[in-house]
């Protein structure tokens, strides 16, 4: 025989009996939501900046070549204003002071050949003449590609790389180079009037049998839109969870079973509707 228990709707209302969420949980959740939204907005701003940078670099690369900055303006040369400018420079190579910097290119592993270019005004500019594979590391294997007279080089202005490369630091005393650190190379090769930047030579600037030029890779990762959508999605997921936790009780419906009119009338002061549990 079933046991019928009658419980008033007031006693079974979980929104009245459940403990309220703690204040610290509310504050923490709202703070997390604000942080996620801020990160998303920041990524949108970063994307705008990155697109402007890419457009600016594209214009520099494809612009007609201009003479390199004069020595008087070398101190003002910066990555933001000058990197990847298409430039020209003339002089004579100091082949006996070349430096090999470890490189990995589309041609495979090997070395960049950085050679000082002596200009008529007495200053020097490091020229990244291009890439050579490991078997051509010795300068004697490239004698035919080393011009002796005055040359004119066109290429892209690049900013010095003093922080090393390939997770390794340069070791000048052992002639091991992993990045194109202009100041360190200049000191090791006895160059005293060297420009604070170097030039990546175009393929057309190189003589037959010399290093392979024109291998500069210009690539700017632009995943900021994906990052922004991720942060915004997390923020709205958190907002949905907050709504369920704090606002769901307002919309929770109660199921009522109406007693027969005679039974209800016999209960003075009782509710017309009660919730019935059946055991």
Protein backbone atom coordinates (compact mmCIF):
# COMPACT_ATOMS: atom_id res chain seq x y z
CA UNK A 1 0.00 0.00 0.00
CA UNK A 2 1.43 3.30 -1.02
CA UNK A 3 2.25 5.87 1.58
CA UNK A 4 0.99 9.31 0.62
CA UNK A 5 2.80 12.25 2.20
CA UNK A 6 1.56 15.77 1.65
CA UNK A 7 4.12 18.51 1.78
CA UNK A 8 3.37 22.14 1.27
CA UNK A 9 4.91 23.85 -1.74
CA UNK A 10 6.70 26.23 0.57
CA UNK A 11 8.61 23.38 2.19
CA UNK A 12 9.60 21.85 -1.18
CA UNK A 13 10.74 25.05 -2.86
CA UNK A 14 14.50 24.46 -3.36
CA UNK A 15 15.09 28.13 -4.04
CA UNK A 16 14.05 28.86 -0.47
CA UNK A 17 15.88 26.00 1.23
CA UNK A 18 19.17 25.88 -0.78
CA UNK A 19 22.03 27.95 0.67
CA UNK A 20 22.94 31.06 -1.22
CA UNK A 21 26.27 31.06 -3.14
CA UNK A 22 29.05 32.68 -1.23
CA UNK A 23 30.03 36.22 -1.99
CA UNK A 24 33.63 35.30 -2.82
CA UNK A 25 32.47 32.95 -5.59
CA UNK A 26 30.44 35.74 -7.16
CA UNK A 27 33.33 38.19 -7.02
CA UNK A 28 35.78 35.63 -8.41
CA UNK A 29 33.48 34.71 -11.29
CA UNK A 30 32.82 38.31 -12.26
CA UNK A 31 36.54 39.07 -12.10
CA UNK A 32 37.31 36.10 -14.35
CA UNK A 33 34.66 37.26 -16.82
CA UNK A 34 36.15 40.76 -16.92
CA UNK A 35 39.67 39.36 -17.43
CA UNK A 36 38.54 37.10 -20.29
CA UNK A 37 36.76 39.97 -22.02
CA UNK A 38 39.82 42.19 -21.59
CA UNK A 39 42.05 39.52 -23.14
CA UNK A 40 39.69 39.21 -26.10
CA UNK A 41 39.65 42.96 -26.68
CA UNK A 42 43.45 43.05 -26.38
CA UNK A 43 43.77 40.39 -29.07
CA UNK A 44 41.48 42.39 -31.36
CA UNK A 45 43.73 45.41 -30.88
CA UNK A 46 46.84 43.26 -31.50
CA UNK A 47 45.31 41.99 -34.74
CA UNK A 48 44.72 45.55 -35.92
CA UNK A 49 48.35 46.41 -35.11
CA UNK A 50 49.66 43.25 -36.84
CA UNK A 51 47.70 43.92 -40.03
CA UNK A 52 49.07 47.46 -40.14
CA UNK A 53 52.61 46.10 -39.62
CA UNK A 54 52.24 43.58 -42.43
CA UNK A 55 50.94 46.24 -44.79
CA UNK A 56 53.80 48.59 -43.85
CA UNK A 57 56.45 45.92 -44.40
CA UNK A 58 54.94 44.91 -47.75
CA UNK A 59 55.18 48.51 -48.91
CA UNK A 60 58.83 48.73 -47.83
CA UNK A 61 59.86 45.47 -49.47
CA UNK A 62 58.33 46.31 -52.84
CA UNK A 63 59.30 49.98 -52.93
CA UNK A 64 62.16 51.10 -55.23
CA UNK A 65 65.57 50.66 -53.57
CA UNK A 66 66.94 53.75 -51.81
CA UNK A 67 70.45 54.43 -50.43
CA UNK A 68 71.02 53.19 -46.91
CA UNK A 69 70.67 55.75 -44.09
CA UNK A 70 73.63 58.09 -43.73
CA UNK A 71 76.03 57.58 -40.79
CA UNK A 72 74.60 60.69 -39.12
CA UNK A 73 71.21 58.97 -38.81
CA UNK A 74 72.41 55.51 -37.80
CA UNK A 75 71.57 56.06 -34.14
CA UNK A 76 67.92 56.63 -35.07
CA UNK A 77 67.54 53.45 -37.15
CA UNK A 78 64.92 51.16 -35.59
CA UNK A 79 62.90 48.08 -36.41
CA UNK A 80 59.63 50.02 -36.34
CA UNK A 81 60.78 52.65 -38.81
CA UNK A 82 63.40 50.96 -40.98
CA UNK A 83 63.45 47.15 -40.95
CA UNK A 84 62.88 45.52 -44.35
CA UNK A 85 63.43 48.74 -46.27
CA UNK A 86 64.63 48.07 -49.79
CA UNK A 87 68.08 49.73 -49.90
CA UNK A 88 71.26 49.96 -51.97
CA UNK A 89 74.88 50.32 -50.88
CA UNK A 90 78.18 50.25 -52.75
CA UNK A 91 81.78 49.47 -51.79
CA UNK A 92 84.38 46.69 -51.78
CA UNK A 93 84.02 43.41 -49.92
CA UNK A 94 86.54 42.55 -47.21
CA UNK A 95 86.41 38.81 -47.88
CA UNK A 96 89.14 38.03 -45.37
CA UNK A 97 86.82 39.21 -42.55
CA UNK A 98 83.71 37.26 -43.45
CA UNK A 99 81.67 35.57 -40.72
CA UNK A 100 79.63 32.40 -41.03
CA UNK A 101 76.37 32.32 -39.06
CA UNK A 102 74.49 29.07 -38.63
CA UNK A 103 71.29 28.96 -40.68
CA UNK A 104 68.45 26.69 -41.74
CA UNK A 105 66.75 27.68 -44.99
CA UNK A 106 64.62 26.19 -47.74
CA UNK A 107 67.94 25.05 -49.21
CA UNK A 108 68.69 23.03 -46.08
CA UNK A 109 71.09 23.57 -43.15
CA UNK A 110 74.25 25.59 -43.62
CA UNK A 111 75.48 29.14 -43.04
CA UNK A 112 74.81 32.77 -43.82
CA UNK A 113 77.91 34.50 -45.19
CA UNK A 114 78.26 37.94 -43.62
CA UNK A 115 80.95 40.02 -45.27
CA UNK A 116 81.90 43.64 -44.43
CA UNK A 117 81.50 46.09 -47.30
CA UNK A 118 84.07 48.91 -47.16
CA UNK A 119 82.53 52.17 -48.37
CA UNK A 120 84.29 55.17 -49.87
CA UNK A 121 83.64 57.26 -46.73
CA UNK A 122 85.55 54.74 -44.58
CA UNK A 123 82.50 53.17 -42.94
CA UNK A 124 81.58 49.53 -43.22
CA UNK A 125 78.25 47.75 -43.63
CA UNK A 126 77.78 44.05 -42.97
CA UNK A 127 76.24 42.35 -45.97
CA UNK A 128 74.48 39.02 -45.61
CA UNK A 129 75.57 37.78 -49.02
CA UNK A 130 73.37 34.72 -48.71
CA UNK A 131 73.40 31.04 -47.89
CA UNK A 132 76.01 28.33 -48.41
CA UNK A 133 75.62 24.63 -47.49
CA UNK A 134 77.96 23.05 -44.97
CA UNK A 135 80.23 21.58 -47.66
CA UNK A 136 80.98 25.10 -48.92
CA UNK A 137 81.80 26.54 -45.52
CA UNK A 138 85.48 26.92 -46.38
CA UNK A 139 86.06 30.18 -48.25
CA UNK A 140 88.47 28.41 -50.62
CA UNK A 141 85.50 26.59 -52.17
CA UNK A 142 83.88 29.92 -53.11
CA UNK A 143 86.76 31.95 -54.51
CA UNK A 144 85.14 32.24 -57.92
CA UNK A 145 82.07 33.92 -56.43
CA UNK A 146 83.96 36.57 -54.46
CA UNK A 147 84.20 39.81 -56.46
CA UNK A 148 87.35 41.88 -55.90
CA UNK A 149 86.30 45.25 -57.30
CA UNK A 150 83.65 47.74 -56.35
CA UNK A 151 80.12 46.36 -56.24
CA UNK A 152 76.65 47.72 -55.69
CA UNK A 153 74.40 45.68 -53.45
CA UNK A 154 70.63 45.93 -53.23
CA UNK A 155 68.69 44.20 -50.51
CA UNK A 156 66.65 44.54 -47.34
CA UNK A 157 67.80 46.47 -44.29
CA UNK A 158 67.77 44.23 -41.24
CA UNK A 159 68.15 44.99 -37.54
CA UNK A 160 70.96 43.43 -35.49
CA UNK A 161 70.21 40.22 -33.56
CA UNK A 162 72.07 40.46 -30.24
CA UNK A 163 70.08 37.82 -28.36
CA UNK A 164 71.45 34.77 -30.09
CA UNK A 165 69.51 32.17 -32.03
CA UNK A 166 68.45 28.52 -32.03
CA UNK A 167 68.32 28.75 -28.22
CA UNK A 168 72.09 29.23 -28.25
CA UNK A 169 74.32 32.21 -27.61
CA UNK A 170 77.14 33.31 -29.88
CA UNK A 171 80.65 32.27 -28.82
CA UNK A 172 82.95 34.80 -30.55
CA UNK A 173 86.14 33.45 -29.00
CA UNK A 174 85.52 30.11 -30.71
CA UNK A 175 84.09 31.67 -33.89
CA UNK A 176 80.69 30.08 -33.37
CA UNK A 177 77.80 32.27 -34.45
CA UNK A 178 74.09 31.56 -34.17
CA UNK A 179 72.68 35.03 -34.79
CA UNK A 180 73.67 38.10 -36.75
CA UNK A 181 74.83 40.27 -33.87
CA UNK A 182 76.38 43.24 -35.67
CA UNK A 183 78.23 44.72 -32.70
CA UNK A 184 79.75 41.39 -31.64
CA UNK A 185 80.79 40.50 -35.19
CA UNK A 186 82.28 43.95 -35.72
CA UNK A 187 84.34 43.62 -32.53
CA UNK A 188 85.54 40.15 -33.47
CA UNK A 189 86.57 41.29 -36.98
CA UNK A 190 88.15 44.60 -35.98
CA UNK A 191 85.55 46.87 -37.61
CA UNK A 192 85.38 50.26 -35.95
CA UNK A 193 83.01 52.28 -38.18
CA UNK A 194 80.38 49.64 -38.88
CA UNK A 195 76.68 50.40 -39.35
CA UNK A 196 74.40 49.13 -36.53
CA UNK A 197 72.37 47.10 -39.04
CA UNK A 198 73.08 44.66 -41.86
CA UNK A 199 71.68 44.14 -45.36
CA UNK A 200 70.22 40.92 -46.73
CA UNK A 201 71.42 40.90 -50.33
CA UNK A 202 68.96 40.26 -53.15
CA UNK A 203 69.54 37.26 -55.39
CA UNK A 204 70.37 39.60 -58.28
CA UNK A 205 73.18 41.24 -56.32
CA UNK A 206 75.25 38.06 -56.16
CA UNK A 207 77.84 36.85 -58.61
CA UNK A 208 77.81 33.33 -60.04
CA UNK A 209 79.38 30.80 -57.70
CA UNK A 210 78.77 32.94 -54.63
CA UNK A 211 76.31 32.49 -51.76
CA UNK A 212 72.61 32.16 -52.59
CA UNK A 213 70.94 35.51 -51.91
CA UNK A 214 67.32 36.54 -51.76
CA UNK A 215 66.31 33.96 -49.15
CA UNK A 216 64.93 36.42 -46.60
CA UNK A 217 61.76 34.99 -45.09
CA UNK A 218 59.17 37.60 -44.19
CA UNK A 219 56.46 35.96 -42.15
CA UNK A 220 54.41 37.49 -39.37
CA UNK A 221 52.19 34.99 -37.50
CA UNK A 222 48.70 36.44 -37.27
CA UNK A 223 46.55 34.21 -35.06
CA UNK A 224 45.07 37.05 -33.04
CA UNK A 225 41.53 36.56 -34.37
CA UNK A 226 41.53 32.93 -33.21
CA UNK A 227 42.87 33.99 -29.81
CA UNK A 228 40.22 36.72 -29.51
CA UNK A 229 37.38 34.33 -30.37
CA UNK A 230 38.73 31.84 -27.83
CA UNK A 231 38.80 34.39 -25.00
CA UNK A 232 35.34 35.71 -25.89
CA UNK A 233 33.93 32.16 -26.06
CA UNK A 234 35.32 31.37 -22.61
CA UNK A 235 33.87 34.61 -21.26
CA UNK A 236 30.38 33.84 -22.59
CA UNK A 237 30.58 30.25 -21.33
CA UNK A 238 31.38 31.61 -17.90
CA UNK A 239 28.54 34.10 -18.20
CA UNK A 240 26.17 31.25 -19.05
CA UNK A 241 27.33 29.32 -16.03
CA UNK A 242 26.80 32.35 -13.81
CA UNK A 243 23.28 32.73 -15.15
CA UNK A 244 22.46 29.09 -14.41
CA UNK A 245 23.95 29.30 -10.92
CA UNK A 246 22.51 32.62 -9.77
CA UNK A 247 19.49 33.22 -11.98
CA UNK A 248 18.12 29.78 -12.68
CA UNK A 249 16.03 29.64 -9.51
CA UNK A 250 13.97 32.62 -10.64
CA UNK A 251 12.63 30.64 -13.56
CA UNK A 252 12.34 27.21 -11.93
CA UNK A 253 8.70 26.03 -12.17
CA UNK A 254 6.81 24.23 -9.40
CA UNK A 255 4.54 21.27 -10.11
CA UNK A 256 1.21 21.40 -8.22
CA UNK A 257 -1.36 18.68 -7.60
CA UNK A 258 -4.80 19.96 -6.64
CA UNK A 259 -6.67 18.10 -3.93
CA UNK A 260 -10.37 17.42 -4.22
CA UNK A 261 -12.49 20.36 -3.19
CA UNK A 262 -13.99 18.54 -0.19
CA UNK A 263 -10.62 17.63 1.29
CA UNK A 264 -9.27 21.11 0.74
CA UNK A 265 -12.27 22.68 2.42
CA UNK A 266 -11.74 20.63 5.54
CA UNK A 267 -8.25 22.09 6.00
CA UNK A 268 -8.61 25.53 7.51
CA UNK A 269 -5.80 27.90 6.48
CA UNK A 270 -4.15 25.31 4.21
CA UNK A 271 -3.04 26.06 0.67
CA UNK A 272 -5.30 25.06 -2.15
CA UNK A 273 -2.37 23.52 -3.97
CA UNK A 274 0.07 21.06 -2.41
CA UNK A 275 2.95 19.03 -3.69
CA UNK A 276 2.38 15.33 -3.29
CA UNK A 277 5.21 12.88 -2.78
CA UNK A 278 4.55 9.22 -3.23
CA UNK A 279 6.69 6.66 -1.42
